[in-house]
N, C-alpha and C. Protein backbone atom coordinates (compact mmCIF):
# COMPACT_ATOMS: atom_id res chain seq x y z
N MET A 1 -8.03 -6.57 143.08
CA MET A 1 -7.38 -5.61 142.59
C MET A 1 -8.04 -4.45 141.76
N GLU A 2 -7.53 -3.28 142.10
CA GLU A 2 -7.50 -1.98 141.82
C GLU A 2 -6.94 -1.22 140.49
N PHE A 3 -7.01 -1.39 139.34
CA PHE A 3 -6.30 -0.99 138.09
C PHE A 3 -6.33 0.67 137.32
N ILE A 4 -5.34 1.43 137.09
CA ILE A 4 -5.40 2.47 136.23
C ILE A 4 -4.69 2.29 135.31
N ILE A 5 -5.50 3.96 135.20
CA ILE A 5 -4.41 4.21 134.22
C ILE A 5 -3.72 5.71 134.51
N VAL A 6 -2.17 5.70 133.83
CA VAL A 6 -1.49 6.94 134.46
C VAL A 6 -0.83 7.35 132.98
N TYR A 7 -1.81 8.86 133.69
CA TYR A 7 -1.24 10.35 132.55
C TYR A 7 0.16 10.96 132.71
N ILE A 8 1.25 10.57 131.33
CA ILE A 8 2.07 11.10 131.87
C ILE A 8 2.54 12.39 130.63
N THR A 9 2.78 13.29 130.42
CA THR A 9 3.49 14.24 129.20
C THR A 9 4.30 14.03 129.78
N THR A 10 4.87 14.23 127.91
CA THR A 10 6.56 14.18 126.89
C THR A 10 6.66 15.04 127.01
N SER A 11 8.38 15.53 126.16
CA SER A 11 8.39 16.56 125.50
C SER A 11 8.31 15.99 124.03
N GLY A 12 8.45 14.82 123.76
CA GLY A 12 8.21 14.28 121.91
C GLY A 12 8.09 12.99 122.44
N THR A 13 8.24 13.11 120.89
CA THR A 13 7.96 11.13 120.55
C THR A 13 9.07 10.49 121.11
N VAL A 14 10.54 11.03 121.07
CA VAL A 14 11.89 10.46 121.37
C VAL A 14 11.46 9.95 122.72
N GLU A 15 10.60 10.55 123.62
CA GLU A 15 11.01 10.94 125.04
C GLU A 15 10.23 9.68 125.27
N ALA A 16 8.63 10.23 125.07
CA ALA A 16 7.48 8.68 124.59
C ALA A 16 7.58 7.82 124.86
N ARG A 17 8.68 7.06 123.50
CA ARG A 17 9.10 6.16 123.31
C ARG A 17 10.02 5.73 124.37
N ASN A 18 10.51 6.33 124.07
CA ASN A 18 12.06 5.48 125.89
C ASN A 18 11.01 5.27 126.90
N ILE A 19 10.37 6.57 127.54
CA ILE A 19 9.56 6.63 128.54
C ILE A 19 8.80 4.14 128.74
N ALA A 20 7.97 4.74 127.46
CA ALA A 20 7.00 3.71 127.43
C ALA A 20 7.45 2.33 127.23
N SER A 21 8.36 2.42 126.62
CA SER A 21 9.34 0.99 126.63
C SER A 21 9.73 0.70 127.52
N GLU A 22 10.43 1.59 128.22
CA GLU A 22 10.99 0.98 129.85
C GLU A 22 9.83 0.60 131.04
N LEU A 23 8.18 1.10 130.23
CA LEU A 23 7.69 0.65 131.18
C LEU A 23 7.17 -0.29 131.20
N VAL A 24 6.85 -0.78 129.82
CA VAL A 24 6.33 -1.82 129.38
C VAL A 24 7.56 -3.26 130.13
N SER A 25 8.72 -2.72 129.17
CA SER A 25 9.31 -4.20 129.46
C SER A 25 10.37 -4.01 130.68
N ARG A 26 9.90 -3.36 131.96
CA ARG A 26 10.36 -3.91 133.06
C ARG A 26 8.93 -4.12 133.94
N GLY A 27 7.97 -4.94 133.19
CA GLY A 27 6.49 -5.31 133.85
C GLY A 27 5.77 -4.15 135.04
N LEU A 28 6.11 -2.94 134.74
CA LEU A 28 5.02 -1.68 135.41
C LEU A 28 3.53 -1.54 135.21
N VAL A 29 4.09 -1.62 133.40
CA VAL A 29 2.13 -1.69 132.38
C VAL A 29 2.57 -2.14 132.08
N ALA A 30 0.65 -2.43 131.48
CA ALA A 30 0.47 -3.61 130.11
C ALA A 30 0.68 -2.95 129.38
N CYS A 31 0.28 -1.95 128.70
CA CYS A 31 0.11 -1.18 127.78
C CYS A 31 0.58 0.31 127.47
N VAL A 32 1.03 1.07 126.68
CA VAL A 32 1.07 2.28 126.54
C VAL A 32 0.57 3.11 125.31
N ASN A 33 -0.73 3.22 125.39
CA ASN A 33 -0.77 4.21 124.14
C ASN A 33 -0.70 5.67 124.09
N MET A 34 0.33 6.65 123.14
CA MET A 34 1.09 7.81 122.35
C MET A 34 0.09 8.22 122.11
N TYR A 35 -0.42 10.30 122.10
CA TYR A 35 -1.07 10.70 121.92
C TYR A 35 0.02 11.91 121.14
N PRO A 36 -0.27 12.73 120.26
CA PRO A 36 0.44 14.28 120.19
C PRO A 36 -0.46 15.12 120.75
N ILE A 37 0.07 15.89 121.75
CA ILE A 37 -1.09 16.83 122.29
C ILE A 37 -0.68 18.63 122.15
N ARG A 38 -1.48 19.39 122.41
CA ARG A 38 -0.78 20.79 122.31
C ARG A 38 -0.91 21.40 123.83
N SER A 39 -0.03 21.91 124.71
CA SER A 39 -0.14 22.10 125.53
C SER A 39 -0.33 23.44 125.69
N VAL A 40 -0.96 24.35 127.40
CA VAL A 40 -1.00 25.48 127.79
C VAL A 40 -0.86 25.90 128.93
N PHE A 41 -0.16 26.55 129.39
CA PHE A 41 0.25 26.28 130.80
C PHE A 41 1.49 26.87 131.96
N MET A 42 1.31 26.87 132.78
CA MET A 42 1.61 28.39 133.55
C MET A 42 2.62 27.35 134.17
N TRP A 43 4.12 27.88 134.38
CA TRP A 43 5.53 27.65 134.53
C TRP A 43 6.07 28.61 135.19
N LYS A 44 6.61 28.74 136.57
CA LYS A 44 7.15 30.11 136.84
C LYS A 44 6.44 31.26 136.96
N GLY A 45 5.52 31.09 136.57
CA GLY A 45 4.67 32.59 136.86
C GLY A 45 4.52 33.01 135.53
N GLU A 46 5.16 32.31 134.51
CA GLU A 46 4.88 32.65 132.64
C GLU A 46 4.01 31.67 132.00
N VAL A 47 2.96 31.96 131.19
CA VAL A 47 2.07 31.27 130.45
C VAL A 47 3.27 30.35 129.15
N ASN A 48 3.05 29.16 129.07
CA ASN A 48 3.62 28.77 128.24
C ASN A 48 2.27 27.84 127.22
N GLU A 49 2.95 27.86 125.66
CA GLU A 49 2.30 27.30 124.58
C GLU A 49 3.16 25.80 124.73
N ASP A 50 3.01 24.65 124.28
CA ASP A 50 4.78 23.41 123.56
C ASP A 50 3.08 22.31 123.41
N ASP A 51 4.49 21.53 121.68
CA ASP A 51 3.66 20.15 121.36
C ASP A 51 4.82 19.70 122.42
N GLU A 52 3.62 18.25 123.05
CA GLU A 52 4.12 17.47 123.67
C GLU A 52 3.38 16.07 123.20
N VAL A 53 3.85 14.42 123.60
CA VAL A 53 3.68 13.53 123.99
C VAL A 53 2.39 13.40 125.16
N VAL A 54 1.12 13.18 124.70
CA VAL A 54 0.93 12.43 126.73
C VAL A 54 1.08 10.85 126.05
N LEU A 55 0.69 10.07 127.81
CA LEU A 55 0.94 8.23 127.22
C LEU A 55 0.39 8.32 128.49
N PHE A 56 -0.76 7.25 127.93
CA PHE A 56 -1.74 6.16 128.80
C PHE A 56 -0.77 5.06 129.17
N ALA A 57 -0.78 5.04 130.26
CA ALA A 57 -0.73 3.87 130.61
C ALA A 57 -1.21 2.90 131.56
N LYS A 58 -1.14 1.67 130.91
CA LYS A 58 -2.24 0.28 131.79
C LYS A 58 -1.70 -0.81 132.52
N THR A 59 -2.48 0.13 134.21
CA THR A 59 -1.67 -1.29 135.00
C THR A 59 -2.40 -1.15 136.69
N THR A 60 -1.99 -1.17 137.31
CA THR A 60 -2.50 -1.59 138.28
C THR A 60 -2.22 -0.62 140.16
N LYS A 61 -2.89 -0.59 140.63
CA LYS A 61 -3.15 0.71 141.59
C LYS A 61 -1.68 0.13 142.30
N ASN A 62 -1.36 -0.99 142.40
CA ASN A 62 0.03 -0.93 143.28
C ASN A 62 1.44 -0.52 142.64
N ASN A 63 1.52 -0.54 141.12
CA ASN A 63 2.34 -0.08 140.82
C ASN A 63 2.70 1.49 139.90
N PHE A 64 1.76 2.28 141.06
CA PHE A 64 1.40 3.58 140.74
C PHE A 64 2.99 4.56 141.35
N GLU A 65 3.28 4.28 142.31
CA GLU A 65 5.08 4.17 142.97
C GLU A 65 5.78 4.00 141.83
N PRO A 66 6.20 2.58 142.01
CA PRO A 66 6.96 2.77 141.44
C PRO A 66 7.06 3.40 139.19
N VAL A 67 6.32 3.13 138.92
CA VAL A 67 5.68 4.02 137.60
C VAL A 67 5.63 5.54 137.81
N ARG A 68 5.73 6.06 138.97
CA ARG A 68 5.81 7.56 139.30
C ARG A 68 7.70 7.25 139.35
N GLU A 69 8.39 6.82 140.03
CA GLU A 69 10.05 6.44 140.57
C GLU A 69 9.95 6.21 139.33
N LEU A 70 9.88 5.42 138.49
CA LEU A 70 10.69 5.05 137.13
C LEU A 70 10.79 6.36 136.56
N VAL A 71 9.37 7.20 136.23
CA VAL A 71 9.40 8.32 134.75
C VAL A 71 10.37 9.28 135.60
N ARG A 72 10.31 9.66 137.04
CA ARG A 72 11.12 10.86 137.55
C ARG A 72 12.12 10.59 137.32
N SER A 73 12.86 8.91 137.31
CA SER A 73 14.42 9.48 136.92
C SER A 73 14.69 9.29 136.15
N ILE A 74 13.94 9.42 134.57
CA ILE A 74 13.71 9.07 133.15
C ILE A 74 13.58 10.38 132.98
N HIS A 75 12.45 11.36 133.00
CA HIS A 75 12.04 12.43 132.16
C HIS A 75 13.31 13.40 132.30
N SER A 76 12.76 13.97 131.12
CA SER A 76 13.63 15.12 131.28
C SER A 76 13.23 16.52 131.81
N TYR A 77 11.35 16.70 132.23
CA TYR A 77 11.07 17.16 132.75
C TYR A 77 11.67 17.66 134.18
N GLU A 78 11.72 19.09 135.13
CA GLU A 78 11.65 19.39 136.32
C GLU A 78 10.57 18.73 137.08
N LEU A 79 9.20 19.38 136.46
CA LEU A 79 8.40 18.21 137.49
C LEU A 79 7.61 17.84 136.17
N PRO A 80 7.15 16.33 136.07
CA PRO A 80 6.77 15.78 134.66
C PRO A 80 5.06 15.38 135.38
N ALA A 81 4.22 15.16 134.46
CA ALA A 81 2.42 15.54 134.77
C ALA A 81 3.05 14.29 135.02
N ILE A 82 2.53 13.63 135.98
CA ILE A 82 1.79 11.86 136.46
C ILE A 82 0.92 11.25 136.80
N VAL A 83 -0.08 11.36 136.84
CA VAL A 83 -1.60 11.23 137.45
C VAL A 83 -2.06 10.40 136.92
N SER A 84 -2.82 9.19 138.09
CA SER A 84 -3.30 8.20 137.47
C SER A 84 -4.50 8.15 137.92
N TRP A 85 -6.15 7.64 138.01
CA TRP A 85 -7.31 7.26 138.34
C TRP A 85 -7.25 6.00 137.43
N ASP A 86 -8.70 5.67 138.22
CA ASP A 86 -8.66 4.41 138.62
C ASP A 86 -9.77 3.89 136.85
N ILE A 87 -10.18 2.68 136.69
CA ILE A 87 -11.03 2.54 135.78
C ILE A 87 -11.33 1.53 135.64
N GLU A 88 -12.60 1.37 134.49
CA GLU A 88 -13.41 0.05 135.24
C GLU A 88 -13.93 -1.02 133.83
N ALA A 89 -13.04 -1.95 133.11
CA ALA A 89 -12.88 -2.17 132.16
C ALA A 89 -13.81 -3.54 131.69
N ASP A 90 -13.96 -3.92 130.69
CA ASP A 90 -14.87 -5.47 130.42
C ASP A 90 -13.39 -6.72 130.96
N THR A 91 -13.82 -7.58 131.52
CA THR A 91 -13.02 -8.04 133.03
C THR A 91 -12.07 -9.37 131.81
N GLU A 92 -12.56 -9.29 131.28
CA GLU A 92 -11.54 -10.18 130.59
C GLU A 92 -10.41 -8.96 129.73
N PHE A 93 -11.04 -7.62 129.44
CA PHE A 93 -9.04 -7.16 129.80
C PHE A 93 -8.82 -6.50 131.51
N LEU A 94 -9.44 -6.24 132.39
CA LEU A 94 -8.19 -6.43 133.00
C LEU A 94 -7.52 -7.35 133.47
N GLU A 95 -8.31 -8.72 133.17
CA GLU A 95 -7.44 -9.86 133.25
C GLU A 95 -5.96 -9.23 132.63
N TRP A 96 -6.33 -9.33 131.57
CA TRP A 96 -5.17 -9.19 130.36
C TRP A 96 -3.74 -7.63 131.45
N ILE A 97 -4.46 -6.84 132.14
CA ILE A 97 -3.91 -6.14 132.21
C ILE A 97 -3.00 -6.85 133.81
N ARG A 98 -3.74 -7.76 134.23
CA ARG A 98 -3.02 -8.10 135.29
C ARG A 98 -2.26 -9.27 135.15
N THR A 99 -1.92 -10.26 134.01
CA THR A 99 -1.29 -11.08 133.81
C THR A 99 -0.40 -10.52 132.94
N SER A 100 -0.47 -8.92 133.19
CA SER A 100 1.03 -8.50 132.31
C SER A 100 1.46 -7.89 132.64
N VAL A 101 1.85 -7.37 133.92
CA VAL A 101 2.37 -6.61 134.93
C VAL A 101 3.11 -7.06 135.92
N SER A 102 3.64 -6.92 136.96
CA SER A 102 4.75 -7.62 137.78
C SER A 102 3.72 -7.40 139.28
N ASN A 103 3.37 -6.50 139.46
CA ASN A 103 2.52 -6.38 141.09
C ASN A 103 1.04 -6.62 140.51
């Protein structure tokens, strides 16, 4: 089984908590960490800067598409950042992820 971290930016604490709660309660991720960040980004031809909250969600590679679909369906952004990367970790920690998610 392959494990991933899914990186998701959100508009703020309320949206971050809502998305995190939905992902965990539906068994799509084992855990979500939330961090306040300051982002500078290009959007529609203009440079923007904004405060955001980023989520780091721990799950399995099989759950990436359901996570992406759920986040897109409830996110306030027209195009939210939903990025994943493979992780390696302590065997017991990975087992906890595996047993905490649906797939």
